[in-house]
Amino acid sequence: MTAVDDAARQAVVTALVRLAASPHCDDRADAGRGLASFADVPAARPVLLELVLDPADTFVTQETAEALFRRGDAAAFAIMSAAVVAAGDEQADHLHAALLAVQGVYERERDAAVKTCRELAQDPAQPAEVRDGAAALVADLTALRPSLSVPN
């Protein structure tokens, strides 16, 4: 296995951050989907949160949220947890729709998401909004009944 090329990853993040500032919603949605792959890169996190809470177009919100929920790791759920706390009513509806679209299919993926969110909710190193949002996501996730489960 080769080492991660940090310079190349940073160059991609820089280009996607620039795209995220576009006045065109398609560009911002593309940036959100792309940046979700780099949620572990510090420079991507605030931009991802801005895209998830895009005030101009809920398409950007939905696409970015789905990409982050699909990523499914602590970095992605920390961003989504902060977004849940900060979202307005319409944005919250789209965040919930994204959660259902991604986590409502496979039980094992939903269960992994619950575990990750519980850890974030209980992590004193996380900001209060992340802990609070993660607790809210745990409640939403446990209420989901995924359509596919693995028999015991």
N, C-alpha and C. Protein backbone atom coordinates (compact mmCIF):
# COMPACT_ATOMS: atom_id res chain seq x y z
N MET A 1 0.84 -1.17 0.00
CA MET A 1 0.00 0.00 0.00
C MET A 1 0.89 1.24 0.00
N THR A 2 0.55 2.21 -0.83
CA THR A 2 1.35 3.43 -0.92
C THR A 2 0.84 4.48 0.06
N ALA A 3 1.70 5.40 0.39
CA ALA A 3 1.35 6.47 1.32
C ALA A 3 0.38 7.45 0.65
N VAL A 4 -0.41 8.10 1.46
CA VAL A 4 -1.33 9.11 0.97
C VAL A 4 -0.54 10.30 0.47
N ASP A 5 -0.94 10.84 -0.66
CA ASP A 5 -0.27 12.01 -1.23
C ASP A 5 -0.96 13.26 -0.69
N ASP A 6 -0.45 13.76 0.46
CA ASP A 6 -1.08 14.90 1.12
C ASP A 6 -1.14 16.14 0.23
N ALA A 7 -0.11 16.38 -0.55
CA ALA A 7 -0.10 17.57 -1.40
C ALA A 7 -1.19 17.48 -2.47
N ALA A 8 -1.36 16.32 -3.06
CA ALA A 8 -2.40 16.15 -4.07
C ALA A 8 -3.78 16.27 -3.44
N ARG A 9 -3.96 15.67 -2.26
CA ARG A 9 -5.26 15.76 -1.56
C ARG A 9 -5.58 17.22 -1.23
N GLN A 10 -4.59 17.97 -0.76
CA GLN A 10 -4.81 19.37 -0.43
C GLN A 10 -5.15 20.18 -1.68
N ALA A 11 -4.51 19.86 -2.80
CA ALA A 11 -4.81 20.56 -4.05
C ALA A 11 -6.25 20.31 -4.48
N VAL A 12 -6.72 19.09 -4.32
CA VAL A 12 -8.11 18.77 -4.67
C VAL A 12 -9.06 19.52 -3.74
N VAL A 13 -8.78 19.51 -2.45
CA VAL A 13 -9.63 20.22 -1.49
C VAL A 13 -9.66 21.71 -1.84
N THR A 14 -8.52 22.29 -2.15
CA THR A 14 -8.47 23.71 -2.51
C THR A 14 -9.34 24.01 -3.73
N ALA A 15 -9.28 23.15 -4.74
CA ALA A 15 -10.10 23.34 -5.94
C ALA A 15 -11.59 23.19 -5.61
N LEU A 16 -11.93 22.21 -4.79
CA LEU A 16 -13.34 22.01 -4.44
C LEU A 16 -13.87 23.13 -3.55
N VAL A 17 -13.03 23.66 -2.67
CA VAL A 17 -13.43 24.81 -1.85
C VAL A 17 -13.74 26.00 -2.75
N ARG A 18 -12.93 26.20 -3.77
CA ARG A 18 -13.18 27.28 -4.74
C ARG A 18 -14.50 27.05 -5.47
N LEU A 19 -14.77 25.80 -5.87
CA LEU A 19 -16.02 25.46 -6.55
C LEU A 19 -17.22 25.66 -5.62
N ALA A 20 -17.04 25.41 -4.34
CA ALA A 20 -18.12 25.57 -3.37
C ALA A 20 -18.58 27.02 -3.25
N ALA A 21 -17.76 27.96 -3.66
CA ALA A 21 -18.11 29.38 -3.60
C ALA A 21 -18.86 29.85 -4.85
N SER A 22 -19.12 28.96 -5.76
CA SER A 22 -19.80 29.32 -7.01
C SER A 22 -21.22 29.82 -6.75
N PRO A 23 -21.70 30.72 -7.57
CA PRO A 23 -23.09 31.15 -7.45
C PRO A 23 -24.07 30.11 -8.01
N HIS A 24 -23.57 29.10 -8.68
CA HIS A 24 -24.42 28.09 -9.32
C HIS A 24 -24.61 26.88 -8.40
N CYS A 25 -25.86 26.50 -8.16
CA CYS A 25 -26.14 25.41 -7.23
C CYS A 25 -25.56 24.08 -7.70
N ASP A 26 -25.52 23.85 -9.01
CA ASP A 26 -24.93 22.59 -9.50
C ASP A 26 -23.45 22.50 -9.13
N ASP A 27 -22.74 23.61 -9.23
CA ASP A 27 -21.33 23.63 -8.84
C ASP A 27 -21.18 23.36 -7.35
N ARG A 28 -22.02 24.01 -6.54
CA ARG A 28 -21.93 23.82 -5.09
C ARG A 28 -22.27 22.37 -4.71
N ALA A 29 -23.27 21.79 -5.37
CA ALA A 29 -23.62 20.40 -5.10
C ALA A 29 -22.48 19.47 -5.49
N ASP A 30 -21.86 19.72 -6.63
CA ASP A 30 -20.69 18.93 -7.05
C ASP A 30 -19.57 19.06 -6.03
N ALA A 31 -19.35 20.29 -5.55
CA ALA A 31 -18.31 20.52 -4.55
C ALA A 31 -18.64 19.75 -3.27
N GLY A 32 -19.89 19.76 -2.85
CA GLY A 32 -20.28 19.03 -1.64
C GLY A 32 -20.06 17.54 -1.76
N ARG A 33 -20.47 16.98 -2.91
CA ARG A 33 -20.25 15.54 -3.12
C ARG A 33 -18.77 15.22 -3.13
N GLY A 34 -17.98 16.06 -3.78
CA GLY A 34 -16.54 15.82 -3.85
C GLY A 34 -15.84 16.01 -2.52
N LEU A 35 -16.19 17.09 -1.83
CA LEU A 35 -15.54 17.37 -0.54
C LEU A 35 -15.88 16.32 0.52
N ALA A 36 -17.02 15.67 0.40
CA ALA A 36 -17.37 14.62 1.37
C ALA A 36 -16.29 13.55 1.43
N SER A 37 -15.64 13.31 0.32
CA SER A 37 -14.54 12.33 0.29
C SER A 37 -13.34 12.80 1.11
N PHE A 38 -13.30 14.10 1.40
CA PHE A 38 -12.17 14.69 2.12
C PHE A 38 -12.60 15.27 3.46
N ALA A 39 -13.66 14.72 4.05
CA ALA A 39 -14.17 15.22 5.32
C ALA A 39 -13.13 15.13 6.44
N ASP A 40 -12.13 14.31 6.26
CA ASP A 40 -11.06 14.17 7.25
C ASP A 40 -10.00 15.28 7.12
N VAL A 41 -10.06 16.06 6.05
CA VAL A 41 -9.11 17.15 5.83
C VAL A 41 -9.67 18.40 6.50
N PRO A 42 -8.94 18.98 7.46
CA PRO A 42 -9.48 20.12 8.22
C PRO A 42 -10.03 21.26 7.36
N ALA A 43 -9.41 21.57 6.25
CA ALA A 43 -9.88 22.69 5.42
C ALA A 43 -11.23 22.40 4.77
N ALA A 44 -11.60 21.16 4.66
CA ALA A 44 -12.87 20.80 4.03
C ALA A 44 -14.05 20.93 4.98
N ARG A 45 -13.82 20.77 6.26
CA ARG A 45 -14.93 20.67 7.24
C ARG A 45 -15.82 21.90 7.29
N PRO A 46 -15.28 23.11 7.46
CA PRO A 46 -16.20 24.26 7.54
C PRO A 46 -16.96 24.49 6.23
N VAL A 47 -16.34 24.19 5.12
CA VAL A 47 -17.00 24.37 3.83
C VAL A 47 -18.11 23.33 3.67
N LEU A 48 -17.86 22.11 4.11
CA LEU A 48 -18.92 21.09 4.06
C LEU A 48 -20.11 21.50 4.92
N LEU A 49 -19.85 22.05 6.09
CA LEU A 49 -20.94 22.51 6.95
C LEU A 49 -21.72 23.63 6.25
N GLU A 50 -21.02 24.54 5.62
CA GLU A 50 -21.71 25.61 4.87
C GLU A 50 -22.57 25.05 3.75
N LEU A 51 -22.06 24.05 3.05
CA LEU A 51 -22.82 23.46 1.95
C LEU A 51 -24.03 22.68 2.44
N VAL A 52 -23.88 21.98 3.55
CA VAL A 52 -25.01 21.25 4.12
C VAL A 52 -26.11 22.23 4.56
N LEU A 53 -25.70 23.43 4.95
CA LEU A 53 -26.65 24.44 5.40
C LEU A 53 -26.86 25.53 4.33
N ASP A 54 -26.63 25.19 3.07
CA ASP A 54 -26.72 26.15 1.97
C ASP A 54 -28.04 26.93 2.05
N PRO A 55 -27.95 28.26 2.23
CA PRO A 55 -29.17 29.05 2.38
C PRO A 55 -29.92 29.30 1.07
N ALA A 56 -29.25 29.07 -0.05
CA ALA A 56 -29.84 29.42 -1.34
C ALA A 56 -30.54 28.25 -2.03
N ASP A 57 -30.14 27.02 -1.74
CA ASP A 57 -30.70 25.91 -2.50
C ASP A 57 -30.63 24.60 -1.70
N THR A 58 -31.78 24.02 -1.45
CA THR A 58 -31.82 22.76 -0.69
C THR A 58 -31.30 21.58 -1.50
N PHE A 59 -31.16 21.72 -2.81
CA PHE A 59 -30.52 20.67 -3.61
C PHE A 59 -29.08 20.47 -3.13
N VAL A 60 -28.40 21.57 -2.85
CA VAL A 60 -27.03 21.51 -2.36
C VAL A 60 -27.02 20.83 -0.99
N THR A 61 -27.95 21.21 -0.14
CA THR A 61 -28.08 20.59 1.19
C THR A 61 -28.25 19.09 1.06
N GLN A 62 -29.20 18.67 0.27
CA GLN A 62 -29.53 17.25 0.11
C GLN A 62 -28.34 16.45 -0.44
N GLU A 63 -27.74 16.94 -1.49
CA GLU A 63 -26.64 16.21 -2.13
C GLU A 63 -25.43 16.09 -1.21
N THR A 64 -25.09 17.18 -0.54
CA THR A 64 -23.94 17.16 0.37
C THR A 64 -24.22 16.26 1.56
N ALA A 65 -25.42 16.36 2.12
CA ALA A 65 -25.78 15.52 3.27
C ALA A 65 -25.76 14.04 2.90
N GLU A 66 -26.30 13.68 1.75
CA GLU A 66 -26.28 12.27 1.34
C GLU A 66 -24.85 11.78 1.18
N ALA A 67 -23.99 12.60 0.60
CA ALA A 67 -22.60 12.19 0.42
C ALA A 67 -21.91 11.99 1.77
N LEU A 68 -22.18 12.86 2.72
CA LEU A 68 -21.57 12.71 4.05
C LEU A 68 -22.14 11.49 4.78
N PHE A 69 -23.45 11.29 4.72
CA PHE A 69 -24.03 10.10 5.36
C PHE A 69 -23.50 8.82 4.71
N ARG A 70 -23.27 8.86 3.40
CA ARG A 70 -22.72 7.69 2.70
C ARG A 70 -21.28 7.42 3.17
N ARG A 71 -20.53 8.46 3.42
CA ARG A 71 -19.16 8.29 3.92
C ARG A 71 -19.20 7.55 5.25
N GLY A 72 -20.07 7.97 6.15
CA GLY A 72 -20.40 7.20 7.34
C GLY A 72 -19.35 7.10 8.43
N ASP A 73 -18.34 7.94 8.43
CA ASP A 73 -17.35 7.86 9.50
C ASP A 73 -17.53 9.00 10.49
N ALA A 74 -16.71 9.04 11.51
CA ALA A 74 -16.84 10.04 12.57
C ALA A 74 -16.68 11.46 12.02
N ALA A 75 -15.78 11.67 11.08
CA ALA A 75 -15.59 13.01 10.51
C ALA A 75 -16.87 13.48 9.84
N ALA A 76 -17.50 12.62 9.06
CA ALA A 76 -18.73 12.98 8.37
C ALA A 76 -19.88 13.19 9.35
N PHE A 77 -20.00 12.29 10.33
CA PHE A 77 -21.10 12.44 11.29
C PHE A 77 -20.90 13.64 12.21
N ALA A 78 -19.68 14.05 12.46
CA ALA A 78 -19.45 15.26 13.26
C ALA A 78 -19.97 16.49 12.51
N ILE A 79 -19.72 16.55 11.22
CA ILE A 79 -20.23 17.65 10.40
C ILE A 79 -21.75 17.62 10.38
N MET A 80 -22.32 16.43 10.16
CA MET A 80 -23.77 16.32 10.10
C MET A 80 -24.41 16.60 11.45
N SER A 81 -23.75 16.26 12.53
CA SER A 81 -24.27 16.55 13.87
C SER A 81 -24.36 18.05 14.09
N ALA A 82 -23.31 18.77 13.72
CA ALA A 82 -23.33 20.22 13.85
C ALA A 82 -24.41 20.83 12.95
N ALA A 83 -24.61 20.25 11.79
CA ALA A 83 -25.63 20.75 10.86
C ALA A 83 -27.04 20.56 11.42
N VAL A 84 -27.29 19.42 12.05
CA VAL A 84 -28.61 19.14 12.61
C VAL A 84 -28.99 20.21 13.62
N VAL A 85 -28.05 20.63 14.43
CA VAL A 85 -28.31 21.65 15.45
C VAL A 85 -28.57 23.02 14.82
N ALA A 86 -27.87 23.34 13.75
CA ALA A 86 -27.93 24.68 13.15
C ALA A 86 -29.00 24.82 12.06
N ALA A 87 -29.56 23.73 11.59
CA ALA A 87 -30.47 23.76 10.45
C ALA A 87 -31.80 24.43 10.77
N GLY A 88 -32.29 25.16 9.78
CA GLY A 88 -33.65 25.68 9.85
C GLY A 88 -34.62 24.57 9.50
N ASP A 89 -35.91 24.87 9.55
CA ASP A 89 -36.93 23.83 9.33
C ASP A 89 -36.81 23.15 7.97
N GLU A 90 -36.68 23.94 6.90
CA GLU A 90 -36.61 23.35 5.57
C GLU A 90 -35.33 22.55 5.39
N GLN A 91 -34.22 23.08 5.88
CA GLN A 91 -32.96 22.34 5.80
C GLN A 91 -33.06 21.06 6.61
N ALA A 92 -33.65 21.13 7.79
CA ALA A 92 -33.80 19.94 8.64
C ALA A 92 -34.60 18.86 7.92
N ASP A 93 -35.62 19.25 7.17
CA ASP A 93 -36.39 18.27 6.40
C ASP A 93 -35.51 17.57 5.38
N HIS A 94 -34.64 18.32 4.73
CA HIS A 94 -33.75 17.72 3.72
C HIS A 94 -32.65 16.87 4.37
N LEU A 95 -32.19 17.28 5.54
CA LEU A 95 -31.20 16.46 6.25
C LEU A 95 -31.83 15.13 6.65
N HIS A 96 -33.06 15.18 7.11
CA HIS A 96 -33.74 13.93 7.49
C HIS A 96 -34.00 13.06 6.26
N ALA A 97 -34.38 13.67 5.14
CA ALA A 97 -34.59 12.91 3.90
C ALA A 97 -33.28 12.24 3.45
N ALA A 98 -32.17 12.95 3.59
CA ALA A 98 -30.86 12.38 3.23
C ALA A 98 -30.51 11.22 4.16
N LEU A 99 -30.79 11.39 5.44
CA LEU A 99 -30.54 10.32 6.42
C LEU A 99 -31.34 9.08 6.05
N LEU A 100 -32.61 9.27 5.75
CA LEU A 100 -33.47 8.15 5.38
C LEU A 100 -33.00 7.48 4.09
N ALA A 101 -32.63 8.29 3.11
CA ALA A 101 -32.19 7.75 1.81
C ALA A 101 -30.95 6.88 1.94
N VAL A 102 -30.03 7.29 2.80
CA VAL A 102 -28.75 6.57 2.91
C VAL A 102 -28.78 5.50 3.99
N GLN A 103 -29.29 5.85 5.17
CA GLN A 103 -29.24 4.92 6.31
C GLN A 103 -30.48 4.04 6.42
N GLY A 104 -31.47 4.28 5.59
CA GLY A 104 -32.71 3.52 5.67
C GLY A 104 -32.73 2.26 4.84
N VAL A 105 -31.60 1.84 4.31
CA VAL A 105 -31.56 0.65 3.46
C VAL A 105 -31.03 -0.56 4.21
N TYR A 106 -29.81 -0.49 4.69
CA TYR A 106 -29.17 -1.65 5.33
C TYR A 106 -29.10 -1.48 6.83
N GLU A 107 -29.58 -2.46 7.54
CA GLU A 107 -29.58 -2.43 9.00
C GLU A 107 -28.17 -2.32 9.56
N ARG A 108 -27.22 -3.05 8.99
CA ARG A 108 -25.85 -3.03 9.53
C ARG A 108 -25.21 -1.65 9.37
N GLU A 109 -25.53 -0.94 8.29
CA GLU A 109 -24.99 0.41 8.12
C GLU A 109 -25.65 1.38 9.09
N ARG A 110 -26.95 1.22 9.30
CA ARG A 110 -27.64 2.06 10.28
C ARG A 110 -27.07 1.82 11.67
N ASP A 111 -26.84 0.54 12.01
CA ASP A 111 -26.29 0.20 13.33
C ASP A 111 -24.89 0.79 13.52
N ALA A 112 -24.08 0.76 12.47
CA ALA A 112 -22.74 1.35 12.55
C ALA A 112 -22.84 2.87 12.74
N ALA A 113 -23.81 3.48 12.08
CA ALA A 113 -24.02 4.93 12.23
C ALA A 113 -24.46 5.27 13.65
N VAL A 114 -25.33 4.45 14.23
CA VAL A 114 -25.76 4.67 15.61
C VAL A 114 -24.56 4.60 16.55
N LYS A 115 -23.71 3.62 16.35
CA LYS A 115 -22.52 3.45 17.19
C LYS A 115 -21.61 4.69 17.09
N THR A 116 -21.37 5.14 15.87
CA THR A 116 -20.51 6.30 15.66
C THR A 116 -21.11 7.55 16.29
N CYS A 117 -22.40 7.74 16.12
CA CYS A 117 -23.06 8.94 16.69
C CYS A 117 -23.09 8.87 18.21
N ARG A 118 -23.29 7.69 18.77
CA ARG A 118 -23.24 7.58 20.24
C ARG A 118 -21.87 7.96 20.77
N GLU A 119 -20.82 7.52 20.09
CA GLU A 119 -19.46 7.87 20.50
C GLU A 119 -19.25 9.38 20.43
N LEU A 120 -19.73 10.02 19.35
CA LEU A 120 -19.61 11.48 19.23
C LEU A 120 -20.39 12.19 20.33
N ALA A 121 -21.59 11.69 20.62
CA ALA A 121 -22.44 12.32 21.63
C ALA A 121 -21.83 12.25 23.02
N GLN A 122 -20.99 11.25 23.25
CA GLN A 122 -20.40 11.04 24.57
C GLN A 122 -18.95 11.52 24.66
N ASP A 123 -18.44 12.08 23.59
CA ASP A 123 -17.04 12.51 23.54
C ASP A 123 -16.89 13.94 24.07
N PRO A 124 -16.32 14.11 25.26
CA PRO A 124 -16.18 15.47 25.81
C PRO A 124 -15.26 16.37 24.99
N ALA A 125 -14.46 15.79 24.12
CA ALA A 125 -13.58 16.59 23.27
C ALA A 125 -14.35 17.27 22.13
N GLN A 126 -15.55 16.80 21.86
CA GLN A 126 -16.36 17.39 20.78
C GLN A 126 -17.06 18.66 21.28
N PRO A 127 -17.26 19.62 20.38
CA PRO A 127 -18.03 20.81 20.77
C PRO A 127 -19.47 20.42 21.14
N ALA A 128 -20.10 21.24 21.94
CA ALA A 128 -21.46 20.96 22.41
C ALA A 128 -22.44 20.72 21.26
N GLU A 129 -22.32 21.51 20.19
CA GLU A 129 -23.27 21.34 19.08
C GLU A 129 -23.09 19.98 18.40
N VAL A 130 -21.88 19.47 18.35
CA VAL A 130 -21.66 18.15 17.77
C VAL A 130 -22.24 17.08 18.70
N ARG A 131 -21.99 17.19 19.99
CA ARG A 131 -22.55 16.22 20.94
C ARG A 131 -24.08 16.23 20.90
N ASP A 132 -24.67 17.42 20.90
CA ASP A 132 -26.13 17.53 20.87
C ASP A 132 -26.70 17.00 19.56
N GLY A 133 -26.09 17.37 18.46
CA GLY A 133 -26.55 16.89 17.16
C GLY A 133 -26.39 15.40 17.01
N ALA A 134 -25.30 14.86 17.53
CA ALA A 134 -25.09 13.40 17.46
C ALA A 134 -26.15 12.67 18.27
N ALA A 135 -26.51 13.22 19.42
CA ALA A 135 -27.58 12.60 20.22
C ALA A 135 -28.90 12.63 19.46
N ALA A 136 -29.18 13.72 18.77
CA ALA A 136 -30.40 13.81 17.95
C ALA A 136 -30.35 12.80 16.80
N LEU A 137 -29.18 12.64 16.19
CA LEU A 137 -29.05 11.65 15.12
C LEU A 137 -29.24 10.23 15.63
N VAL A 138 -28.76 9.94 16.84
CA VAL A 138 -28.98 8.61 17.42
C VAL A 138 -30.48 8.35 17.52
N ALA A 139 -31.24 9.32 17.99
CA ALA A 139 -32.69 9.15 18.11
C ALA A 139 -33.32 8.93 16.74
N ASP A 140 -32.92 9.72 15.75
CA ASP A 140 -33.47 9.55 14.39
C ASP A 140 -33.09 8.20 13.79
N LEU A 141 -31.84 7.82 13.98
CA LEU A 141 -31.37 6.55 13.41
C LEU A 141 -32.04 5.35 14.06
N THR A 142 -32.20 5.37 15.36
CA THR A 142 -32.82 4.22 16.03
C THR A 142 -34.30 4.11 15.69
N ALA A 143 -34.92 5.21 15.27
CA ALA A 143 -36.32 5.17 14.85
C ALA A 143 -36.48 4.59 13.44
N LEU A 144 -35.38 4.57 12.66
CA LEU A 144 -35.44 4.01 11.30
C LEU A 144 -35.60 2.50 11.33
N ARG A 145 -36.36 2.01 10.42
CA ARG A 145 -36.49 0.57 10.21
C ARG A 145 -35.98 0.27 8.80
N PRO A 146 -34.67 -0.03 8.69
CA PRO A 146 -34.10 -0.27 7.36
C PRO A 146 -34.83 -1.40 6.61
N SER A 147 -34.84 -1.29 5.30
CA SER A 147 -35.56 -2.26 4.49
C SER A 147 -34.82 -3.59 4.35
N LEU A 148 -33.51 -3.62 4.55
CA LEU A 148 -32.75 -4.86 4.41
C LEU A 148 -31.95 -5.15 5.67
N SER A 149 -32.11 -6.33 6.18
CA SER A 149 -31.34 -6.74 7.35
C SER A 149 -30.77 -8.12 7.11
N VAL A 150 -29.73 -8.42 7.85
CA VAL A 150 -29.07 -9.73 7.76
C VAL A 150 -29.70 -10.62 8.82
N PRO A 151 -30.18 -11.80 8.46
CA PRO A 151 -30.76 -12.68 9.47
C PRO A 151 -29.72 -13.13 10.50
N ASN A 152 -30.17 -13.34 11.73
CA ASN A 152 -29.25 -13.77 12.80
C ASN A 152 -28.81 -15.19 12.63
